[in-house]
Amino acid sequence: MEMSAPLQAWRDKAQFFTAAGGDIAYWTAGDEAAPALFLIHGFPTASWDWSKIWDRLSARYRVIALDMLGFGFSAKPAKHTYRLVYQADLHEALAKRLGVERAHILAHDYGDSVAQELVARQLDGAPSLDVASAVYLNGGLIPDGHRPRRVQKLLAGRFGFLIARLLNKRSFAKSFSEIFAPASRPDAQELEDFWAMLAHRNGARIGHRLISYIAERRAMQERWVGALSAKEVPQRFICGALDPVSGRHLAELYQERVTDPDVVLLDHAGHYPQWEAPDDVLAAFDAFHERLAGATENS
């Protein structure tokens, strides 16, 4: 089975810019005069994750997404030291390239940490990209609540490079499907597409390098968890409750650790709510932005 026609069409629309590490695929849509919105994908997938809500968001925003280094259709250097802070640099570089100085963010999983770093940079003062707001989907926002899957633990271990070599489409499909809610697991073609993006440019062979993000999150925990309470940047967490990695248990921890937490639980969704329950994600995202607009009008 080959990648679907929609994924092929998505790939054909990619633009590229050159960064340290190689060429970076990116996509834009919507009116350039509209508010900018960065969509930041998760591990181990890519910006295609946003395809079910892309058109509806681009009707109201200037939507921008890139496949981070090591993911999707971007370069995947075999010996690169992959860091979340560098992935944040890539988003700043693309914003500069496109002339975007201020943007909203909608992030997922691995991308949550990238968004947290961008918010933290704003709190540092004089940011390259002014973050207007941030909405997070399931991910390790608080490292203590993140429950990595067995394959992730193995990739992060001493023999992770061997695990990466042994990863194949079948083992990926089984492990990946388990983080979705039982009623919304991807079908055969969707799994084929997710695998195609992962395997592109031998990407499955660098999983042991990409997985370093778990340790980086712990090292940056004070900075990134602290950013979640920043009053300067409105933030919301939309959580698929049935996610075994960062579901209801992480939402509860978020409510304990974050000042004035804004959490929306989707009781029927798993780790990929934008794929499993796109209408509900959009409703929660829109309600958040409508509240922001109302606050701006009343200020």
Protein backbone atom coordinates (compact mmCIF):
# COMPACT_ATOMS: atom_id res chain seq x y z
CA MET A 1 0.00 0.00 0.00
CA GLU A 2 1.29 3.46 -0.90
CA MET A 3 0.63 6.85 0.66
CA SER A 4 -2.85 8.19 0.02
CA ALA A 5 -3.65 10.76 -2.66
CA PRO A 6 -4.38 13.45 -0.02
CA LEU A 7 -0.98 12.92 1.62
CA GLN A 8 0.74 12.97 -1.77
CA ALA A 9 -1.06 16.24 -2.58
CA TRP A 10 0.05 17.63 0.80
CA ARG A 11 3.64 16.67 0.07
CA ASP A 12 3.46 18.30 -3.37
CA LYS A 13 2.43 21.61 -1.79
CA ALA A 14 5.45 21.72 0.54
CA GLN A 15 7.87 24.61 0.30
CA PHE A 16 11.40 24.40 1.65
CA PHE A 17 14.00 26.56 3.33
CA THR A 18 17.54 25.65 4.30
CA ALA A 19 18.64 25.49 7.93
CA ALA A 20 21.47 23.92 9.89
CA GLY A 21 20.88 20.20 9.46
CA GLY A 22 19.23 20.36 6.04
CA ASP A 23 16.13 21.42 4.17
CA ILE A 24 12.93 22.07 6.12
CA ALA A 25 9.49 21.46 4.62
CA TYR A 26 6.77 23.97 5.43
CA TRP A 27 3.24 24.91 4.41
CA THR A 28 1.21 28.11 4.57
CA ALA A 29 -2.44 28.90 3.84
CA GLY A 30 -4.95 31.67 4.41
CA ASP A 31 -4.99 35.42 4.03
CA GLU A 32 -1.59 36.97 4.79
CA ALA A 33 -3.40 39.85 6.48
CA ALA A 34 -5.15 37.49 8.93
CA PRO A 35 -3.71 36.70 12.38
CA ALA A 36 -0.84 34.22 12.07
CA LEU A 37 -1.22 30.76 13.61
CA PHE A 38 1.65 28.29 13.95
CA LEU A 39 0.66 24.62 14.12
CA ILE A 40 3.45 22.62 15.80
CA HIS A 41 3.32 18.84 15.39
CA GLY A 42 4.31 15.97 17.66
CA PHE A 43 6.54 12.88 17.80
CA PRO A 44 6.95 10.75 15.73
CA THR A 45 4.69 12.21 13.07
CA ALA A 46 4.57 15.54 11.19
CA SER A 47 2.47 18.50 10.09
CA TRP A 48 0.08 16.19 8.22
CA ASP A 49 -1.39 15.62 11.70
CA TRP A 50 -3.22 18.95 11.23
CA SER A 51 -4.81 18.08 7.87
CA LYS A 52 -8.30 17.45 9.29
CA ILE A 53 -8.54 21.02 10.64
CA TRP A 54 -6.18 22.80 8.22
CA ASP A 55 -8.78 24.18 5.81
CA ARG A 56 -11.14 25.40 8.51
CA LEU A 57 -8.35 27.16 10.38
CA SER A 58 -6.95 28.71 7.21
CA ALA A 59 -10.34 30.29 6.52
CA ARG A 60 -9.71 32.55 9.54
CA TYR A 61 -5.96 32.58 10.13
CA ARG A 62 -2.71 32.74 8.23
CA VAL A 63 -1.84 29.14 9.06
CA ILE A 64 1.82 28.09 9.09
CA ALA A 65 3.33 24.67 9.79
CA LEU A 66 6.69 23.03 9.30
CA ASP A 67 8.00 19.51 9.60
CA MET A 68 10.67 19.86 12.24
CA LEU A 69 14.17 18.59 11.58
CA GLY A 70 14.08 14.79 11.73
CA PHE A 71 10.36 14.55 10.93
CA GLY A 72 8.03 14.13 7.98
CA PHE A 73 9.34 15.47 4.70
CA SER A 74 12.19 17.50 6.21
CA ALA A 75 15.83 16.46 6.38
CA LYS A 76 16.74 13.68 8.81
CA PRO A 77 20.50 13.77 9.35
CA ALA A 78 21.71 10.53 10.91
CA LYS A 79 24.26 12.05 13.30
CA HIS A 80 22.50 15.25 14.34
CA THR A 81 21.98 16.07 18.01
CA TYR A 82 18.27 16.79 18.04
CA ARG A 83 17.14 19.40 20.56
CA LEU A 84 13.78 20.96 21.21
CA VAL A 85 15.38 24.39 21.61
CA TYR A 86 16.71 24.09 18.05
CA GLN A 87 13.24 23.19 16.80
CA ALA A 88 12.06 26.44 18.42
CA ASP A 89 14.82 28.23 16.51
CA LEU A 90 13.41 26.80 13.27
CA HIS A 91 9.99 28.28 13.98
CA GLU A 92 11.54 31.67 14.67
CA ALA A 93 13.55 31.40 11.44
CA LEU A 94 10.43 30.58 9.40
CA ALA A 95 8.52 33.43 11.04
CA LYS A 96 11.30 35.83 10.05
CA ARG A 97 11.35 34.42 6.51
CA LEU A 98 7.60 35.00 6.18
CA GLY A 99 7.64 38.41 7.83
CA VAL A 100 5.59 37.23 10.82
CA GLU A 101 6.32 39.09 14.05
CA ARG A 102 3.37 37.94 16.17
CA ALA A 103 1.51 34.63 16.10
CA HIS A 104 -0.84 32.35 17.96
CA ILE A 105 0.22 28.74 18.53
CA LEU A 106 -1.61 25.41 18.46
CA ALA A 107 0.77 22.61 19.47
CA HIS A 108 0.73 18.88 20.12
CA ASP A 109 2.97 16.40 21.97
CA TYR A 110 6.66 17.09 21.15
CA GLY A 111 5.46 20.42 19.76
CA ASP A 112 4.10 21.40 23.18
CA SER A 113 7.65 21.66 24.48
CA VAL A 114 8.66 23.74 21.47
CA ALA A 115 5.75 26.07 22.17
CA GLN A 116 6.66 26.27 25.87
CA GLU A 117 10.19 27.30 24.90
CA LEU A 118 8.81 30.01 22.59
CA VAL A 119 6.61 31.30 25.43
CA ALA A 120 9.61 31.22 27.80
CA ARG A 121 11.66 33.23 25.32
CA GLN A 122 8.95 35.84 25.30
CA LEU A 123 9.13 36.05 29.09
CA ASP A 124 12.90 36.55 28.75
CA GLY A 125 12.16 39.77 26.85
CA ALA A 126 12.70 40.93 23.25
CA PRO A 127 11.53 37.70 21.58
CA SER A 128 12.15 36.99 17.90
CA LEU A 129 8.52 35.86 17.67
CA ASP A 130 5.84 37.46 19.83
CA VAL A 131 3.49 34.69 21.03
CA ALA A 132 -0.07 36.02 21.18
CA SER A 133 -1.49 32.84 22.75
CA ALA A 134 -0.79 29.12 23.03
CA VAL A 135 -3.15 26.16 22.94
CA TYR A 136 -1.70 22.76 23.74
CA LEU A 137 -2.99 19.29 22.90
CA ASN A 138 -1.86 16.08 24.59
CA GLY A 139 1.83 16.03 25.40
CA GLY A 140 4.39 16.07 28.18
CA LEU A 141 3.69 19.59 29.36
CA ILE A 142 4.68 18.48 32.86
CA PRO A 143 7.39 15.79 32.70
CA ASP A 144 6.29 14.16 35.97
CA GLY A 145 2.98 13.25 34.35
CA HIS A 146 4.35 11.93 31.06
CA ARG A 147 4.10 8.13 30.72
CA PRO A 148 6.26 7.08 27.77
CA ARG A 149 5.40 3.88 25.93
CA ARG A 150 7.63 0.83 26.11
CA VAL A 151 9.12 1.50 22.67
CA GLN A 152 10.02 5.04 23.74
CA LYS A 153 11.77 3.75 26.85
CA LEU A 154 13.70 1.26 24.73
CA LEU A 155 14.69 3.93 22.21
CA ALA A 156 15.95 6.12 25.07
CA GLY A 157 17.98 3.27 26.52
CA ARG A 158 21.53 2.07 25.96
CA PHE A 159 20.60 -0.01 22.94
CA GLY A 160 18.19 2.49 21.41
CA PHE A 161 20.08 2.49 18.12
CA LEU A 162 19.31 -1.23 17.76
CA ILE A 163 15.64 -0.72 18.54
CA ALA A 164 15.51 1.98 15.85
CA ARG A 165 16.94 -0.42 13.30
CA LEU A 166 14.39 -3.09 14.21
CA LEU A 167 11.37 -0.78 13.98
CA ASN A 168 9.15 -1.69 11.04
CA LYS A 169 5.71 -0.83 9.73
CA ARG A 170 4.00 -3.63 11.62
CA SER A 171 5.54 -2.87 15.01
CA PHE A 172 4.97 0.84 14.51
CA ALA A 173 1.29 0.33 13.65
CA LYS A 174 0.66 -1.75 16.77
CA SER A 175 2.38 0.62 19.19
CA PHE A 176 1.04 3.77 17.55
CA SER A 177 -2.58 2.58 17.49
CA GLU A 178 -2.55 1.92 21.22
CA ILE A 179 -2.30 5.62 22.11
CA PHE A 180 -5.59 6.42 20.34
CA ALA A 181 -8.98 5.94 21.96
CA PRO A 182 -10.38 2.47 21.10
CA ALA A 183 -13.21 3.93 19.03
CA SER A 184 -11.01 6.26 16.97
CA ARG A 185 -7.91 4.29 16.08
CA PRO A 186 -6.43 4.95 12.62
CA ASP A 187 -7.44 2.66 9.78
CA ALA A 188 -5.02 0.78 7.52
CA GLN A 189 -4.52 3.64 5.07
CA GLU A 190 -4.01 6.19 7.80
CA LEU A 191 -1.39 3.98 9.42
CA GLU A 192 0.26 3.61 6.02
CA ASP A 193 0.42 7.39 5.69
CA PHE A 194 1.81 7.91 9.18
CA TRP A 195 4.44 5.25 8.52
CA ALA A 196 5.30 6.78 5.13
CA MET A 197 6.14 10.08 6.80
CA LEU A 198 8.14 8.40 9.53
CA ALA A 199 10.08 6.18 7.12
CA HIS A 200 10.75 8.94 4.57
CA ARG A 201 14.52 9.57 4.27
CA ASN A 202 15.18 6.65 6.65
CA GLY A 203 13.53 8.52 9.48
CA ALA A 204 12.70 5.38 11.42
CA ARG A 205 16.44 4.87 11.94
CA ILE A 206 16.91 8.04 13.98
CA GLY A 207 14.26 7.42 16.62
CA HIS A 208 16.93 6.91 19.28
CA ARG A 209 18.24 10.40 18.54
CA LEU A 210 14.87 12.13 18.45
CA ILE A 211 13.80 10.52 21.73
CA SER A 212 16.33 12.66 23.60
CA TYR A 213 13.48 15.13 23.97
CA ILE A 214 12.30 13.23 27.08
CA ALA A 215 15.55 13.97 28.91
CA GLU A 216 15.60 17.53 27.60
CA ARG A 217 12.13 18.13 28.99
CA ARG A 218 13.31 17.10 32.44
CA ALA A 219 16.41 19.29 32.20
CA MET A 220 14.26 22.28 31.17
CA GLN A 221 11.36 21.48 33.48
CA GLU A 222 11.58 24.57 35.68
CA ARG A 223 11.68 26.91 32.68
CA TRP A 224 8.99 25.20 30.62
CA VAL A 225 6.51 24.33 33.36
CA GLY A 226 6.95 27.85 34.72
CA ALA A 227 6.00 29.26 31.33
CA LEU A 228 2.56 27.61 31.60
CA SER A 229 1.59 30.05 34.36
CA ALA A 230 2.67 33.16 32.47
CA LYS A 231 -0.13 35.73 32.62
CA GLU A 232 1.43 37.59 29.69
CA VAL A 233 0.48 34.78 27.29
CA PRO A 234 -3.06 33.31 27.40
CA GLN A 235 -2.87 29.49 27.34
CA ARG A 236 -5.28 26.54 27.19
CA PHE A 237 -4.78 22.77 27.42
CA ILE A 238 -7.17 20.62 25.35
CA CYS A 239 -6.72 17.04 26.53
CA GLY A 240 -7.87 13.75 25.06
CA ALA A 241 -8.73 12.01 28.34
CA LEU A 242 -8.24 8.43 27.07
CA ASP A 243 -4.60 8.94 26.16
CA PRO A 244 -2.40 6.52 28.16
CA VAL A 245 0.65 8.77 27.68
CA SER A 246 -0.61 12.21 28.66
CA GLY A 247 -4.34 11.97 29.18
CA ARG A 248 -6.62 12.60 32.14
CA HIS A 249 -3.84 12.00 34.66
CA LEU A 250 -1.71 14.75 33.11
CA ALA A 251 -4.67 17.13 32.96
CA GLU A 252 -5.15 16.65 36.70
CA LEU A 253 -1.46 17.33 37.34
CA TYR A 254 -1.64 20.40 35.08
CA GLN A 255 -4.48 21.75 37.20
CA GLU A 256 -2.37 21.25 40.34
CA ARG A 257 0.85 22.79 39.04
CA VAL A 258 -0.34 25.68 36.84
CA THR A 259 -1.67 28.99 38.13
CA ASP A 260 -5.25 29.65 36.90
CA PRO A 261 -5.27 26.57 34.64
CA ASP A 262 -7.52 26.50 31.58
CA VAL A 263 -8.21 22.84 30.75
CA VAL A 264 -10.74 21.25 28.41
CA LEU A 265 -11.17 17.48 28.66
CA LEU A 266 -12.35 15.49 25.64
CA ASP A 267 -13.63 12.32 27.27
CA HIS A 268 -13.76 10.25 24.06
CA ALA A 269 -10.37 11.12 22.53
CA GLY A 270 -6.87 9.73 22.97
CA HIS A 271 -3.39 11.10 22.26
CA TYR A 272 -4.22 12.66 18.86
CA PRO A 273 -7.42 14.66 19.52
CA GLN A 274 -6.95 16.77 16.37
CA TRP A 275 -7.17 13.53 14.37
CA GLU A 276 -9.69 11.65 16.51
CA ALA A 277 -12.08 14.48 17.39
CA PRO A 278 -11.28 17.42 15.07
CA ASP A 279 -14.67 19.11 15.51
CA ASP A 280 -14.33 19.11 19.29
CA VAL A 281 -10.77 20.43 19.14
CA LEU A 282 -11.88 23.26 16.87
CA ALA A 283 -14.82 24.08 19.15
CA ALA A 284 -12.53 24.31 22.19
CA PHE A 285 -9.93 26.28 20.23
CA ASP A 286 -12.53 28.70 18.87
CA ALA A 287 -14.12 29.24 22.29
CA PHE A 288 -10.71 30.14 23.69
CA HIS A 289 -10.05 32.65 20.91
CA GLU A 290 -13.52 34.14 21.15
CA ARG A 291 -12.87 34.77 24.83
CA LEU A 292 -9.55 36.43 23.97
CA ALA A 293 -11.25 38.63 21.40
CA GLY A 294 -13.91 39.62 23.94
CA ALA A 295 -11.27 40.48 26.52
CA THR A 296 -9.44 42.63 23.97
CA GLU A 297 -12.61 44.51 23.03
CA ASN A 298 -13.42 45.18 26.70
CA SER A 299 -9.94 46.33 27.67
